[in-house]
Amino acid sequence: MTNKLDIETRLDRSLQKQLTAPRLDGRFDAAVWARIAAQEQGATNPVREPARSPSSSRWLFVINVIGIAVTVLLVVIFGMQSLTEVSMNLPTPEVSAATGEKIFRIAAQTITLASLVFGLLFTPLGRRLRAELT
């Protein structure tokens, strides 16, 4: 029986025969030394520019900050009420049933439309439109 070391040795030799690296000519060597010399002189790499974050990440950051602020505000308000047993009795204006129904209907339609537009901004069509506008 062959032991594990022999099997690994044969597999390693077989893999080395299958994988052949291309021979590099003098251009690669010259490019490496040129890059080293440029870095020693304090020059930045002219080939690559630093990656910029997409504008969507900035919008997501803003939305997250707003969400965190609202969450903190709600926790503070309702937490203070429950911990200190202080109730804030704010007077609410009297609104008729018809007016309230109309306000809720318009608010629901507005929120739905805004949600659809916001969701469509992250589709391929929305990305193309945002790229055209920016």
Protein backbone atom coordinates (compact mmCIF):
# COMPACT_ATOMS: atom_id res chain seq x y z
CA MET A 1 0.00 0.00 0.00
CA THR A 2 1.10 3.53 -0.66
CA ASN A 3 1.15 5.92 2.17
CA LYS A 4 -0.40 9.33 2.31
CA LEU A 5 2.87 11.16 1.64
CA ASP A 6 3.41 9.31 -1.67
CA ILE A 7 -0.10 10.14 -2.81
CA GLU A 8 0.36 13.81 -1.97
CA THR A 9 3.72 13.89 -3.76
CA ARG A 10 2.22 12.38 -6.93
CA LEU A 11 -0.72 14.76 -6.82
CA ASP A 12 1.64 17.71 -6.37
CA ARG A 13 3.76 16.66 -9.36
CA SER A 14 0.66 16.14 -11.48
CA LEU A 15 -0.65 19.57 -10.55
CA GLN A 16 2.68 21.22 -11.36
CA LYS A 17 2.64 19.59 -14.82
CA GLN A 18 -0.90 20.81 -15.49
CA LEU A 19 -0.29 24.40 -14.40
CA THR A 20 2.27 26.22 -16.44
CA ALA A 21 2.89 29.89 -15.83
CA PRO A 22 3.63 32.07 -18.84
CA ARG A 23 7.19 33.28 -19.17
CA LEU A 24 7.52 36.97 -18.47
CA ASP A 25 9.69 39.09 -20.69
CA GLY A 26 11.77 42.13 -19.82
CA ARG A 27 8.81 44.54 -20.10
CA PHE A 28 7.25 43.19 -16.92
CA ASP A 29 10.54 43.49 -15.07
CA ALA A 30 11.00 47.06 -16.30
CA ALA A 31 7.45 48.01 -15.28
CA VAL A 32 7.99 46.66 -11.76
CA TRP A 33 11.25 48.57 -11.32
CA ALA A 34 9.64 51.74 -12.71
CA ARG A 35 6.81 51.46 -10.20
CA ILE A 36 9.27 50.93 -7.35
CA ALA A 37 11.29 53.96 -8.44
CA ALA A 38 8.13 56.09 -8.67
CA GLN A 39 7.08 55.06 -5.16
CA GLU A 40 10.51 55.86 -3.78
CA GLN A 41 10.28 59.35 -5.26
CA GLY A 42 6.95 59.86 -3.54
CA ALA A 43 4.87 59.78 -6.70
CA THR A 44 1.48 58.16 -6.56
CA ASN A 45 0.56 55.30 -8.79
CA PRO A 46 -0.57 56.91 -12.06
CA VAL A 47 -2.26 53.74 -13.28
CA ARG A 48 -4.92 53.42 -10.61
CA GLU A 49 -7.14 56.09 -9.16
CA PRO A 50 -8.67 55.71 -5.73
CA ALA A 51 -12.08 54.09 -5.83
CA ARG A 52 -14.98 56.47 -5.32
CA SER A 53 -17.99 55.38 -3.40
CA PRO A 54 -21.20 55.35 -5.43
CA SER A 55 -23.76 58.06 -4.82
CA SER A 56 -26.26 55.44 -3.67
CA SER A 57 -24.06 54.70 -0.65
CA ARG A 58 -24.26 58.37 0.35
CA TRP A 59 -28.05 58.29 0.07
CA LEU A 60 -28.22 55.09 2.10
CA PHE A 61 -26.01 56.71 4.74
CA VAL A 62 -28.34 59.74 4.91
CA ILE A 63 -31.42 57.51 5.16
CA ASN A 64 -29.76 55.44 7.90
CA VAL A 65 -28.87 58.57 9.87
CA ILE A 66 -32.47 59.81 9.61
CA GLY A 67 -33.77 56.41 10.70
CA ILE A 68 -31.40 56.27 13.66
CA ALA A 69 -32.35 59.81 14.70
CA VAL A 70 -36.07 58.99 14.58
CA THR A 71 -35.48 55.78 16.54
CA VAL A 72 -33.47 57.58 19.21
CA LEU A 73 -36.12 60.30 19.45
CA LEU A 74 -38.92 57.75 19.89
CA VAL A 75 -36.96 55.78 22.47
CA VAL A 76 -36.20 58.94 24.41
CA ILE A 77 -39.79 60.20 24.34
CA PHE A 78 -41.51 56.92 25.16
CA GLY A 79 -38.70 55.74 27.42
CA MET A 80 -38.90 58.92 29.46
CA GLN A 81 -42.67 58.55 29.72
CA SER A 82 -42.47 54.98 30.96
CA LEU A 83 -39.46 55.47 33.25
CA THR A 84 -40.47 58.75 34.84
CA GLU A 85 -44.19 58.15 34.67
CA VAL A 86 -44.62 61.61 33.28
CA SER A 87 -47.28 61.80 30.65
CA MET A 88 -47.22 64.48 28.01
CA ASN A 89 -50.82 65.42 27.39
CA LEU A 90 -50.63 67.38 24.21
CA PRO A 91 -53.86 68.85 22.95
CA THR A 92 -54.88 67.50 19.58
CA PRO A 93 -56.98 69.57 17.21
CA GLU A 94 -60.52 68.45 16.56
CA VAL A 95 -60.85 67.03 13.05
CA SER A 96 -64.07 65.86 11.50
CA ALA A 97 -64.36 62.28 10.30
CA ALA A 98 -64.61 63.31 6.64
CA THR A 99 -61.52 65.50 6.84
CA GLY A 100 -59.54 62.79 8.62
CA GLU A 101 -60.55 60.22 6.01
CA LYS A 102 -59.50 62.56 3.20
CA ILE A 103 -56.15 63.28 4.87
CA PHE A 104 -55.45 59.56 5.36
CA ARG A 105 -56.41 58.72 1.77
CA ILE A 106 -54.12 61.41 0.32
CA ALA A 107 -51.30 60.51 2.74
CA ALA A 108 -51.56 56.82 1.83
CA GLN A 109 -51.43 57.57 -1.89
CA THR A 110 -48.49 59.96 -1.44
CA ILE A 111 -46.51 57.49 0.66
CA THR A 112 -47.23 54.69 -1.83
CA LEU A 113 -46.12 56.81 -4.78
CA ALA A 114 -42.97 57.96 -2.98
CA SER A 115 -42.14 54.36 -2.04
CA LEU A 116 -42.56 53.17 -5.61
CA VAL A 117 -40.38 55.96 -7.00
CA PHE A 118 -37.71 55.30 -4.35
CA GLY A 119 -37.77 51.56 -5.13
CA LEU A 120 -37.56 52.18 -8.87
CA LEU A 121 -34.45 54.30 -8.39
CA PHE A 122 -32.51 51.12 -7.57
CA THR A 123 -33.57 49.19 -10.67
CA PRO A 124 -31.39 49.24 -13.81
CA LEU A 125 -33.68 51.88 -15.36
CA GLY A 126 -33.47 54.04 -12.25
CA ARG A 127 -29.68 53.72 -12.17
CA ARG A 128 -29.52 54.86 -15.78
CA LEU A 129 -31.76 57.83 -15.01
CA ARG A 130 -29.69 58.78 -11.97
CA ALA A 131 -26.51 58.54 -14.06
CA GLU A 132 -28.04 60.90 -16.63
CA LEU A 133 -29.07 63.42 -13.97
CA THR A 134 -25.72 63.47 -12.18
